[in-house]
Protein backbone atom coordinates (compact mmCIF):
# COMPACT_ATOMS: atom_id res chain seq x y z
CA MET A 1 -7.82 -30.13 29.68
CA SER A 2 -11.26 -28.84 28.74
CA ALA A 3 -12.38 -26.16 26.33
CA SER A 4 -13.74 -24.18 29.25
CA ASP A 5 -10.23 -23.78 30.62
CA ALA A 6 -9.19 -21.92 27.51
CA GLU A 7 -12.35 -19.79 27.58
CA LYS A 8 -11.57 -18.74 31.14
CA GLY A 9 -8.09 -17.72 30.14
CA THR A 10 -6.47 -19.89 32.78
CA LEU A 11 -5.02 -22.47 30.41
CA ASP A 12 -1.35 -22.04 29.62
CA ILE A 13 -1.43 -22.51 25.87
CA HIS A 14 1.68 -23.08 23.79
CA SER A 15 1.68 -22.98 20.01
CA PRO A 16 2.69 -26.31 18.47
CA GLN A 17 4.36 -24.36 15.68
CA LEU A 18 6.90 -23.07 18.20
CA ALA A 19 7.34 -26.25 20.21
CA ASP A 20 11.07 -26.23 19.74
CA PHE A 21 11.27 -22.98 21.66
CA VAL A 22 9.46 -24.24 24.73
CA LYS A 23 10.27 -27.89 25.18
CA HIS A 24 13.79 -27.13 26.37
CA LYS A 25 15.05 -24.85 29.06
CA LYS A 26 14.74 -21.25 27.93
CA LYS A 27 17.76 -19.25 26.99
CA ALA A 28 17.99 -15.49 27.08
CA ALA A 29 17.48 -15.17 23.34
CA ASP A 30 14.64 -17.68 23.16
CA ILE A 31 11.03 -16.63 22.86
CA GLU A 32 8.54 -16.91 25.72
CA LEU A 33 5.04 -17.34 24.38
CA PHE A 34 2.49 -14.78 25.49
CA ASP A 35 -0.84 -16.33 26.39
CA ALA A 36 -3.27 -15.27 23.65
CA GLN A 37 -6.26 -15.66 25.97
CA SER A 38 -5.09 -12.84 28.21
CA LEU A 39 -6.43 -10.51 25.52
CA GLU A 40 -9.91 -11.19 26.85
CA LYS A 41 -10.44 -8.12 28.94
CA ASP A 42 -12.92 -9.55 31.45
CA VAL A 43 -10.72 -12.47 32.46
CA PRO A 44 -8.54 -11.78 35.52
CA VAL A 45 -4.86 -12.35 34.94
CA THR A 46 -3.19 -14.23 37.74
CA PRO A 47 0.57 -14.31 38.40
CA GLN A 48 0.89 -17.88 37.13
CA ASP A 49 -0.71 -16.85 33.81
CA VAL A 50 1.96 -14.27 33.04
CA ALA A 51 5.23 -15.56 31.70
CA LYS A 52 8.28 -14.34 33.58
CA LEU A 53 10.10 -11.54 31.90
CA PRO A 54 13.18 -12.82 30.15
CA PRO A 55 16.48 -11.15 30.85
CA ALA A 56 17.54 -8.48 28.40
CA LEU A 57 18.47 -10.00 25.08
CA ALA A 58 22.17 -10.10 24.50
CA LYS A 59 23.12 -8.13 21.43
CA SER A 60 24.55 -10.46 18.88
CA ALA A 61 27.29 -9.47 16.52
CA LYS A 62 25.85 -7.50 13.65
CA LYS A 63 26.51 -8.61 10.12
CA SER A 64 26.31 -6.90 6.80
CA THR A 65 23.43 -7.48 4.44
CA PRO A 66 24.77 -9.14 1.27
CA LEU A 67 24.95 -6.75 -1.65
CA TRP A 68 22.91 -9.08 -3.85
CA VAL A 69 20.05 -8.95 -1.31
CA LEU A 70 20.17 -5.15 -1.22
CA TRP A 71 20.14 -5.01 -5.02
CA VAL A 72 17.34 -7.55 -5.58
CA ILE A 73 15.02 -5.83 -3.11
CA TRP A 74 15.89 -2.30 -4.25
CA TYR A 75 15.46 -3.10 -7.95
CA ASN A 76 12.01 -4.54 -7.39
CA ALA A 77 9.13 -4.95 -9.84
CA TYR A 78 8.19 -1.27 -9.35
CA ARG A 79 11.56 -0.10 -10.66
CA ARG A 80 11.63 -2.75 -13.37
CA PHE A 81 8.22 -1.64 -14.66
CA PHE A 82 9.36 1.98 -14.50
CA THR A 83 12.58 1.17 -16.37
CA VAL A 84 10.78 -0.62 -19.22
CA VAL A 85 8.16 2.12 -19.68
CA PHE A 86 10.70 4.93 -19.38
CA VAL A 87 13.24 3.37 -21.79
CA VAL A 88 10.65 2.45 -24.43
CA ASN A 89 9.15 5.94 -24.41
CA PHE A 90 12.46 7.76 -24.51
CA ILE A 91 13.68 5.58 -27.35
CA GLY A 92 10.50 6.65 -29.14
CA ILE A 93 11.22 10.29 -28.30
CA GLY A 94 14.72 9.85 -29.72
CA PHE A 95 13.32 8.48 -32.99
CA ALA A 96 10.79 11.33 -33.10
CA ILE A 97 13.50 13.97 -32.65
CA ALA A 98 15.58 12.30 -35.37
CA GLY A 99 12.59 12.29 -37.72
CA LYS A 100 12.59 8.49 -37.96
CA TRP A 101 9.04 7.91 -36.65
CA PRO A 102 6.33 9.44 -38.85
CA TYR A 103 3.49 8.46 -36.50
CA ALA A 104 5.01 10.54 -33.67
CA ALA A 105 5.25 13.54 -35.98
CA ARG A 106 1.66 13.15 -37.17
CA TYR A 107 -0.07 12.19 -33.89
CA PRO A 108 2.04 13.57 -31.01
CA GLY A 109 -1.08 14.24 -28.94
CA ALA A 110 -2.03 10.56 -29.02
CA LEU A 111 1.35 9.62 -27.50
CA VAL A 112 0.93 12.25 -24.78
CA LEU A 113 -2.58 11.19 -23.86
CA GLY A 114 -1.96 7.47 -24.32
CA ASN A 115 0.72 7.58 -21.63
CA LEU A 116 -1.40 9.72 -19.33
CA ASN A 117 -4.36 7.37 -19.78
CA ILE A 118 -2.33 4.36 -18.71
CA ALA A 119 -0.83 6.31 -15.79
CA ILE A 120 -4.31 7.16 -14.50
CA LEU A 121 -5.85 3.77 -15.28
CA VAL A 122 -3.41 1.70 -13.21
CA ARG A 123 -4.15 3.97 -10.22
CA ASN A 124 -7.91 3.73 -10.72
CA GLU A 125 -9.48 1.91 -7.77
CA ILE A 126 -12.19 0.23 -9.84
CA PHE A 127 -9.68 -1.06 -12.38
CA GLY A 128 -7.48 -2.27 -9.51
CA ARG A 129 -10.33 -4.20 -7.89
CA CYS A 130 -11.10 -5.84 -11.24
CA LEU A 131 -7.47 -6.88 -11.65
CA TYR A 132 -7.30 -8.38 -8.15
CA LEU A 133 -10.62 -10.17 -8.69
CA PHE A 134 -9.41 -11.61 -11.99
CA VAL A 135 -6.13 -12.89 -10.55
CA ASN A 136 -7.63 -14.23 -7.30
CA THR A 137 -10.44 -16.01 -9.14
CA LEU A 138 -8.39 -17.71 -11.85
CA PHE A 139 -5.03 -18.47 -10.25
CA ALA A 140 -5.65 -19.21 -6.56
CA LYS A 141 -3.72 -22.15 -5.07
CA TRP A 142 -3.49 -24.46 -8.14
CA THR A 143 -0.89 -22.56 -10.17
CA PRO A 144 2.88 -22.89 -9.46
CA LEU A 145 4.09 -20.89 -6.48
CA TRP A 146 6.50 -18.81 -8.59
CA PHE A 147 3.58 -17.71 -10.78
CA ARG A 148 1.42 -16.71 -7.81
CA LEU A 149 4.32 -14.78 -6.29
CA ALA A 150 4.78 -13.02 -9.63
CA CYS A 151 1.06 -12.11 -9.66
CA THR A 152 1.30 -10.58 -6.18
CA SER A 153 4.48 -8.70 -7.09
CA THR A 154 2.91 -7.35 -10.29
CA LEU A 155 -0.25 -6.14 -8.56
CA GLN A 156 1.71 -4.56 -5.72
CA HIS A 157 4.08 -2.67 -8.01
CA LEU A 158 1.74 -1.29 -10.67
CA GLY A 159 2.86 2.13 -9.44
CA GLY A 160 6.00 1.69 -11.54
CA ILE A 161 3.85 1.80 -14.67
CA HIS A 162 1.99 4.82 -13.26
CA SER A 163 5.21 6.77 -12.64
CA GLY A 164 6.85 5.75 -15.90
CA CYS A 165 3.86 6.67 -18.04
CA ALA A 166 3.28 9.96 -16.20
CA ILE A 167 6.87 11.12 -16.72
CA SER A 168 6.81 9.94 -20.33
CA GLY A 169 3.53 11.73 -21.00
CA VAL A 170 5.00 15.01 -19.71
CA ALA A 171 8.12 14.46 -21.83
CA TRP A 172 6.01 13.88 -24.96
CA ILE A 173 3.93 17.05 -24.44
CA VAL A 174 7.09 19.12 -23.88
CA LEU A 175 8.46 17.75 -27.16
CA MET A 176 5.14 18.51 -28.86
CA VAL A 177 5.06 22.13 -27.61
CA VAL A 178 8.73 22.70 -28.48
CA HIS A 179 8.04 21.47 -32.01
CA GLN A 180 5.07 23.85 -32.30
CA PHE A 181 7.23 26.78 -31.19
CA LYS A 182 9.88 25.85 -33.76
CA THR A 183 7.19 26.09 -36.43
CA LYS A 184 5.12 28.76 -34.70
CA TYR A 185 4.34 30.48 -37.99
CA MET A 186 1.99 27.52 -38.62
CA PHE A 187 0.05 27.78 -35.34
CA ASN A 188 -2.27 30.28 -33.74
CA ASP A 189 -0.97 32.02 -30.61
CA SER A 190 -3.80 30.51 -28.52
CA ILE A 191 -2.54 26.99 -29.35
CA LEU A 192 0.98 27.87 -28.22
CA ALA A 193 -0.33 29.52 -25.04
CA PHE A 194 -2.52 26.58 -24.05
CA GLY A 195 0.33 24.20 -24.87
CA VAL A 196 2.61 25.98 -22.40
CA ILE A 197 -0.09 26.22 -19.70
CA THR A 198 -0.99 22.52 -20.03
CA SER A 199 2.69 21.52 -19.88
CA VAL A 200 3.29 23.61 -16.77
CA MET A 201 0.21 22.21 -15.02
CA LEU A 202 1.27 18.65 -15.78
CA LEU A 203 4.83 19.36 -14.62
CA VAL A 204 3.60 20.81 -11.31
CA THR A 205 1.33 17.79 -10.84
CA LEU A 206 4.30 15.51 -11.50
CA CYS A 207 6.57 17.37 -9.05
CA ALA A 208 3.87 17.30 -6.34
CA GLY A 209 3.87 13.50 -6.60
CA LEU A 210 7.62 13.07 -6.12
CA PRO A 211 8.49 10.72 -3.23
CA TRP A 212 10.17 13.43 -1.13
CA VAL A 213 7.14 15.73 -1.37
CA ARG A 214 4.64 12.92 -0.85
CA ASN A 215 6.27 11.58 2.28
CA THR A 216 7.54 14.72 4.00
CA HIS A 217 4.74 17.13 3.04
CA HIS A 218 1.72 14.88 2.63
CA ASN A 219 -0.90 17.64 2.67
CA VAL A 220 1.05 19.60 0.05
CA PHE A 221 1.14 16.48 -2.10
CA GLU A 222 -2.59 15.81 -1.69
CA LEU A 223 -3.74 19.33 -2.50
CA ASN A 224 -1.34 20.12 -5.34
CA HIS A 225 -1.32 16.69 -6.99
CA ARG A 226 -5.12 16.60 -6.97
CA PHE A 227 -6.04 20.19 -7.83
CA PHE A 228 -3.26 20.77 -10.36
CA GLY A 229 -4.18 17.37 -11.80
CA TRP A 230 -7.79 18.48 -12.27
CA THR A 231 -6.58 21.78 -13.76
CA SER A 232 -4.34 19.80 -16.10
CA LEU A 233 -7.36 17.77 -17.23
CA CYS A 234 -9.32 20.93 -18.03
CA MET A 235 -6.35 22.45 -19.88
CA THR A 236 -5.85 19.18 -21.77
CA TRP A 237 -9.43 19.37 -23.00
CA VAL A 238 -8.95 22.93 -24.22
CA TYR A 239 -5.55 22.19 -25.77
CA THR A 240 -6.84 19.04 -27.51
CA ILE A 241 -9.84 20.83 -28.99
CA VAL A 242 -8.02 23.96 -30.22
CA THR A 243 -5.11 21.94 -31.62
CA ASN A 244 -7.35 19.61 -33.62
CA ALA A 245 -9.80 22.34 -34.66
CA TYR A 246 -7.06 24.48 -36.18
CA ASP A 247 -6.28 24.01 -39.88
CA THR A 248 -2.63 24.82 -40.48
CA ALA A 249 -3.28 25.04 -44.23
CA ASP A 250 -5.42 28.20 -44.08
CA GLY A 251 -4.68 29.37 -40.51
CA LYS A 252 -8.30 29.11 -39.38
CA PHE A 253 -10.30 27.04 -36.88
CA ASP A 254 -12.19 25.20 -39.61
CA HIS A 255 -12.09 21.67 -38.15
CA VAL A 256 -14.88 21.75 -35.63
CA GLY A 257 -17.50 19.33 -34.40
CA ARG A 258 -17.34 16.03 -36.25
CA TYR A 259 -13.68 16.32 -37.28
CA VAL A 260 -12.50 16.89 -33.70
CA VAL A 261 -14.56 13.97 -32.40
CA GLN A 262 -12.97 11.67 -34.94
CA GLN A 263 -9.43 12.33 -33.68
CA GLN A 264 -7.55 9.87 -31.44
CA ALA A 265 -6.61 12.59 -28.97
CA PHE A 266 -10.29 13.43 -28.34
CA TRP A 267 -11.17 9.89 -27.28
CA TYR A 268 -7.99 9.54 -25.23
CA THR A 269 -9.09 12.64 -23.32
CA VAL A 270 -12.57 11.18 -22.84
CA GLY A 271 -11.05 8.00 -21.42
CA MET A 272 -8.75 9.94 -19.11
CA SER A 273 -11.69 11.97 -17.80
CA ILE A 274 -13.73 8.82 -17.10
CA PHE A 275 -10.86 7.17 -15.23
CA ILE A 276 -10.45 10.25 -13.03
CA VAL A 277 -14.15 10.83 -12.32
CA LEU A 278 -15.27 7.22 -11.65
CA PRO A 279 -13.77 6.77 -8.15
CA TRP A 280 -15.26 10.09 -7.00
CA ILE A 281 -18.74 8.90 -7.89
CA CYS A 282 -18.39 6.43 -5.00
CA THR A 283 -17.65 9.17 -2.42
CA ARG A 284 -20.14 9.35 0.45
CA HIS A 285 -20.57 11.16 3.79
CA VAL A 286 -21.20 8.27 6.20
CA ASP A 287 -21.82 7.69 9.90
CA VAL A 288 -18.84 6.65 12.02
CA ASP A 289 -18.39 5.62 15.64
CA VAL A 290 -15.02 6.44 17.19
CA GLU A 291 -13.58 4.39 20.04
CA LEU A 292 -10.61 5.87 21.91
CA PRO A 293 -8.96 3.04 23.86
CA SER A 294 -5.84 5.14 24.44
CA PRO A 295 -4.35 8.52 23.47
CA LYS A 296 -2.27 6.70 20.82
CA VAL A 297 -5.05 5.04 18.85
CA ALA A 298 -8.52 5.74 17.46
CA VAL A 299 -10.65 2.79 16.33
CA LEU A 300 -13.28 3.80 13.76
CA ARG A 301 -16.38 1.66 13.20
CA PHE A 302 -18.43 1.77 9.98
CA GLU A 303 -21.48 -0.08 8.71
CA ARG A 304 -21.08 -3.12 6.38
CA GLY A 305 -18.76 -6.06 6.41
CA MET A 306 -15.85 -6.31 4.01
CA GLN A 307 -13.71 -8.96 2.39
CA GLN A 308 -10.13 -9.19 3.57
CA GLY A 309 -7.22 -7.25 2.10
CA LEU A 310 -8.99 -3.93 1.45
CA LEU A 311 -8.10 -0.39 2.47
CA ALA A 312 -10.31 2.63 3.02
CA ARG A 313 -9.70 6.29 2.26
CA ILE A 314 -11.26 8.74 4.71
CA SER A 315 -11.33 12.51 5.04
CA ARG A 316 -13.13 15.27 6.89
CA SER A 317 -13.53 17.06 3.56
CA ALA A 318 -15.12 15.77 0.39
CA VAL A 319 -12.22 16.80 -1.86
CA LYS A 320 -9.18 17.54 0.30
CA GLU A 321 -6.61 15.21 1.79
CA TYR A 322 -7.64 11.55 2.05
CA HIS A 323 -5.85 9.09 4.31
CA ALA A 324 -5.72 5.33 3.73
CA PHE A 325 -6.08 2.71 6.49
CA GLY A 326 -6.35 -1.06 6.47
CA ILE A 327 -9.85 -2.47 6.99
CA ILE A 328 -10.62 -4.99 9.74
CA SER A 329 -13.75 -7.09 9.27
CA GLU A 330 -15.04 -10.59 10.02
CA GLY A 331 -16.26 -10.88 6.42
CA THR A 332 -18.86 -9.62 3.97
CA HIS A 333 -21.63 -11.00 6.20
CA ALA A 334 -20.60 -8.83 9.18
CA LYS A 335 -22.47 -5.74 10.30
CA HIS A 336 -19.40 -3.55 10.72
CA HIS A 337 -15.82 -2.97 9.66
CA TYR A 338 -13.11 -1.13 11.58
CA LEU A 339 -10.09 1.07 10.97
CA ILE A 340 -7.14 1.41 13.36
CA CYS A 341 -5.79 4.96 13.17
CA GLY A 342 -2.50 5.53 14.96
CA VAL A 343 -2.12 9.09 16.21
CA GLN A 344 0.77 10.55 14.21
CA GLY A 345 -0.22 13.60 12.12
CA ASP A 346 -2.77 16.40 12.33
CA PHE A 347 -5.55 14.33 10.79
CA THR A 348 -5.29 11.40 13.21
CA LYS A 349 -4.78 13.73 16.18
CA GLY A 350 -8.06 15.37 15.19
CA LEU A 351 -9.82 12.00 15.40
CA VAL A 352 -8.82 11.83 19.07
CA ASN A 353 -9.27 15.48 20.04
CA ASP A 354 -12.46 16.03 18.05
CA PRO A 355 -14.05 12.67 17.14
CA PRO A 356 -16.34 13.02 14.10
CA ARG A 357 -19.86 11.59 13.85
CA LYS A 358 -19.71 11.58 10.05
CA ILE A 359 -16.76 11.28 7.72
CA TRP A 360 -16.14 11.23 3.99
CA THR A 361 -15.09 7.95 2.42
CA ARG A 362 -15.20 6.11 -0.88
CA GLU A 363 -17.68 3.28 -0.63
CA LEU A 364 -15.75 1.21 -3.16
CA LYS A 365 -12.61 0.26 -1.24
CA PHE A 366 -9.31 -0.34 -2.96
CA ALA A 367 -7.33 -3.56 -2.74
CA GLY A 368 -3.95 -3.96 -1.07
CA VAL A 369 -1.34 -6.68 -1.33
CA SER A 370 -3.11 -8.71 1.40
CA ASN A 371 -6.02 -9.21 -0.98
CA THR A 372 -3.85 -11.73 -2.85
CA SER A 373 -3.59 -13.91 0.27
CA THR A 374 -6.30 -16.09 -1.31
CA LEU A 375 -3.71 -17.17 -3.90
CA TYR A 376 -1.75 -19.10 -1.26
CA LYS A 377 -2.42 -22.31 0.60
CA ARG A 378 -0.83 -21.10 3.86
CA GLY A 379 0.89 -17.90 4.87
CA ILE A 380 2.18 -15.72 7.69
CA ARG A 381 1.09 -12.15 8.46
CA ILE A 382 3.66 -10.32 10.59
CA CYS A 383 2.96 -6.77 11.69
CA THR A 384 4.00 -4.21 14.26
CA GLY A 385 1.80 -1.75 16.16
CA THR A 386 -0.98 -0.20 14.09
CA GLY A 387 0.11 -2.33 11.13
CA LEU A 388 -2.39 -4.81 12.56
CA GLY A 389 -5.10 -2.86 10.73
CA ALA A 390 -3.88 -4.11 7.37
CA ALA A 391 -3.19 -7.65 8.60
CA LEU A 392 -5.97 -8.77 10.92
CA SER A 393 -8.77 -9.36 8.38
CA THR A 394 -6.66 -11.86 6.46
CA CYS A 395 -6.11 -13.96 9.58
CA ILE A 396 -9.72 -13.61 10.77
CA GLN A 397 -11.22 -14.71 7.45
CA SER A 398 -8.80 -17.52 6.65
CA PRO A 399 -7.77 -20.35 9.01
CA TYR A 400 -4.64 -20.89 6.95
CA TRP A 401 -2.91 -17.67 7.93
CA TYR A 402 -0.70 -17.27 11.00
CA LEU A 403 -0.59 -13.90 12.80
CA ILE A 404 2.52 -12.52 14.47
CA TRP A 405 1.82 -9.16 16.11
CA ILE A 406 4.60 -7.20 17.81
CA GLY A 407 3.62 -4.21 19.91
CA SER A 408 3.67 -2.57 23.30
CA ASP A 409 0.88 -3.04 25.82
CA GLN A 410 -1.50 -4.09 23.02
CA GLU A 411 -4.62 -4.72 25.12
CA LYS A 412 -4.50 -1.31 26.77
CA THR A 413 -3.42 0.55 23.64
CA PHE A 414 -5.86 -0.98 21.14
CA GLY A 415 -8.81 -1.68 23.42
CA PRO A 416 -11.47 -4.39 23.83
CA THR A 417 -12.88 -4.23 20.29
CA ILE A 418 -9.66 -5.23 18.58
CA SER A 419 -8.71 -7.62 21.39
CA GLY A 420 -12.11 -9.26 21.15
CA LEU A 421 -11.79 -9.83 17.41
CA ILE A 422 -8.43 -11.53 17.89
CA HIS A 423 -9.70 -13.68 20.75
CA ARG A 424 -12.87 -14.81 18.96
CA TYR A 425 -11.50 -15.63 15.55
CA ILE A 426 -7.82 -16.57 15.82
CA GLY A 427 -6.91 -19.67 17.78
CA PRO A 428 -3.70 -19.91 19.80
CA GLU A 429 -2.30 -22.46 17.35
CA ARG A 430 -1.88 -19.70 14.75
CA LEU A 431 -1.28 -16.65 16.90
CA LEU A 432 1.86 -15.17 18.41
CA LEU A 433 1.63 -11.89 20.28
CA TRP A 434 4.74 -10.18 21.53
CA ASP A 435 4.15 -7.42 24.07
CA SER A 436 7.51 -5.67 24.35
CA LYS A 437 6.42 -4.00 27.60
CA VAL A 438 5.61 -7.32 29.28
CA ARG A 439 8.50 -9.18 27.68
CA GLY A 440 11.07 -6.57 28.58
CA GLY A 441 12.17 -5.88 25.02
CA ARG A 442 11.76 -6.66 21.38
CA PRO A 443 11.71 -10.19 20.00
CA PRO A 444 14.28 -12.17 17.99
CA THR A 445 12.13 -11.50 14.95
CA MET A 446 13.91 -13.47 12.24
CA LYS A 447 14.44 -16.46 14.51
CA ILE A 448 10.71 -16.59 15.26
CA LEU A 449 9.74 -16.02 11.65
CA LYS A 450 11.96 -18.79 10.31
CA GLU A 451 10.65 -21.26 12.86
CA VAL A 452 7.00 -20.41 12.22
CA TYR A 453 7.56 -20.48 8.46
CA ASP A 454 8.93 -24.03 8.60
CA GLN A 455 6.45 -25.41 11.11
CA TRP A 456 3.41 -23.72 9.58
CA GLN A 457 4.49 -24.84 6.09
CA ALA A 458 3.82 -21.36 4.79
CA GLU A 459 4.25 -20.34 1.18
CA VAL A 460 4.65 -16.61 1.72
CA VAL A 461 5.08 -13.89 4.36
CA PHE A 462 3.32 -10.51 4.27
CA ILE A 463 4.92 -7.73 6.35
CA THR A 464 3.36 -4.51 7.63
CA SER A 465 5.77 -2.36 9.60
CA ASN A 466 7.54 0.97 9.51
CA TYR A 467 10.52 1.60 7.25
CA VAL A 468 13.24 0.11 9.46
CA GLY A 469 11.17 -2.88 10.58
CA ASN A 470 10.11 -3.63 7.02
CA PHE A 471 13.70 -3.26 5.80
CA GLU A 472 15.12 -5.69 8.33
CA ILE A 473 12.44 -8.37 7.99
CA GLN A 474 12.24 -8.24 4.21
CA HIS A 475 16.01 -8.40 3.77
CA GLY A 476 16.22 -11.17 6.33
CA CYS A 477 13.55 -13.16 4.49
CA LYS A 478 15.30 -12.70 1.15
CA GLU A 479 18.60 -13.91 2.60
CA ALA A 480 16.83 -16.92 4.17
CA GLY A 481 15.02 -17.80 0.94
CA ILE A 482 11.56 -16.98 2.34
CA PRO A 483 9.16 -15.32 -0.16
CA ALA A 484 8.04 -12.08 1.44
CA PHE A 485 6.20 -8.89 0.52
CA GLY A 486 6.60 -5.80 2.65
CA THR A 487 5.16 -2.32 2.88
CA LEU A 488 6.21 -0.14 -0.05
CA TRP A 489 8.42 2.78 0.87
CA ASP A 490 9.32 4.92 -2.13
CA PHE A 491 11.76 7.18 -0.30
CA VAL A 492 15.15 6.23 1.06
CA ILE A 493 16.37 6.57 4.63
CA LEU A 494 20.14 6.43 4.63
CA MET A 495 21.18 3.41 6.63
CA ASP A 496 24.62 2.00 7.22
CA ARG A 497 24.65 -1.41 5.57
CA ARG A 498 26.53 -2.77 8.54
CA SER A 499 23.79 -1.61 10.91
CA CYS A 500 21.22 -3.96 9.41
CA ASN A 501 21.24 -6.82 11.87
CA LEU A 502 19.56 -9.82 10.27
CA SER A 503 20.56 -12.36 12.89
CA SER A 504 18.20 -14.02 15.35
CA SER A 505 18.12 -10.89 17.46
CA SER A 506 16.99 -8.67 14.58
CA GLN A 507 14.88 -5.91 16.08
CA VAL A 508 11.76 -4.29 14.72
CA VAL A 509 11.05 -0.65 15.38
CA LEU A 510 7.42 -0.49 16.43
CA MET A 511 4.82 1.63 14.73
CA SER A 512 3.13 3.99 17.12
């Protein structure tokens, strides 16, 4: 066998990692490997190059997911962070109400703004990139596996701190305003008024960010969470200044200038403002080329290469709704990077119906869980449909990552650009493509994943799929003792526990 045979696409290549599947006579539930070279668009596909369609997979008896698996995955690091922050703050609120914490009575504004500062900071893209850089630089590969897994889990679930501190900050300001109304004879009416307005603005911002609103009314979330958030910042400035400038002893605004600047609350507000403004400084209106390989997908091309594991926010407006997509790039040396945008909502439909020549984006990209792939010696990236956008760079830029991509008619749907990147940079020894249209159905996902995990000697699995696919694979990995990190879904779809089939014929619902 020569290298030219593989380049022509006529070589029937089988992955050594899945040798056990192919060295014996195939059964209905066994996997048939799809020739990775057939992704090369210019190579004719002959009948002998296409594996015969297997018969329909027999449905195996479904089994219940163990309750301990459901609990461990549900009560993840996000909820643990949230619990700790929430409990600590509300214990403090209890002591404050009981009059047992003098600091809370003297500096209530510092507790409000301290929580809000942390809530904003952990969502700041620059701070996030610094955290990922710190962890990836100091702890990659040499530290114990449990520690590296803990690092990935912590970075992925910082949102628990964000939510906990945001709710606690609103609770503290409500307590502060209630206390001022109880002793309203000591305060000017303008202080009480701005206290109520600021509390209402923060409460609306908080409600706009609730999971149900965020996931079922995304545009409502974007507009209200952002604009009410900015309004809250302005009101916080006014409320902080008037509260600290007012002297309750003589009922006048005597404490101005230097006195106000010396207060904790003033500098907390300065910090909060910086954390909010910094990411917007990186916003630019940039050129974009749009490739439309099919009505289901738009592939966007931008200038500059990128490191793996990053995501980009893009929008047609400088300040309105931004949408995040995984970045595909050969590396920082490359001329371009790409986004795969599956056509689902109004924004992505607009990319197909009215392709833009320029688009708004933040030049400083934010890091996703895949960015921690450098921590591990070997790993597996499994994705479905457009989830490839968040997975492909990791496998392109590292020869130690195995790609499993499940989709339907991938070459036609995603086009020659994406197919070419896969063909050029990922060898057949670490690539498994499952085309459900060619194969006649979905794969035995967990059976494949367990086999690849053992043969590839992987340390971790990263999953990018929709809710049901992520649920099944992540729960299956937990039950099998395979470390895995999936897409975060902060809303709940009611599922019958008995309907979660985690056997070898576990099915993944494809992302469109």
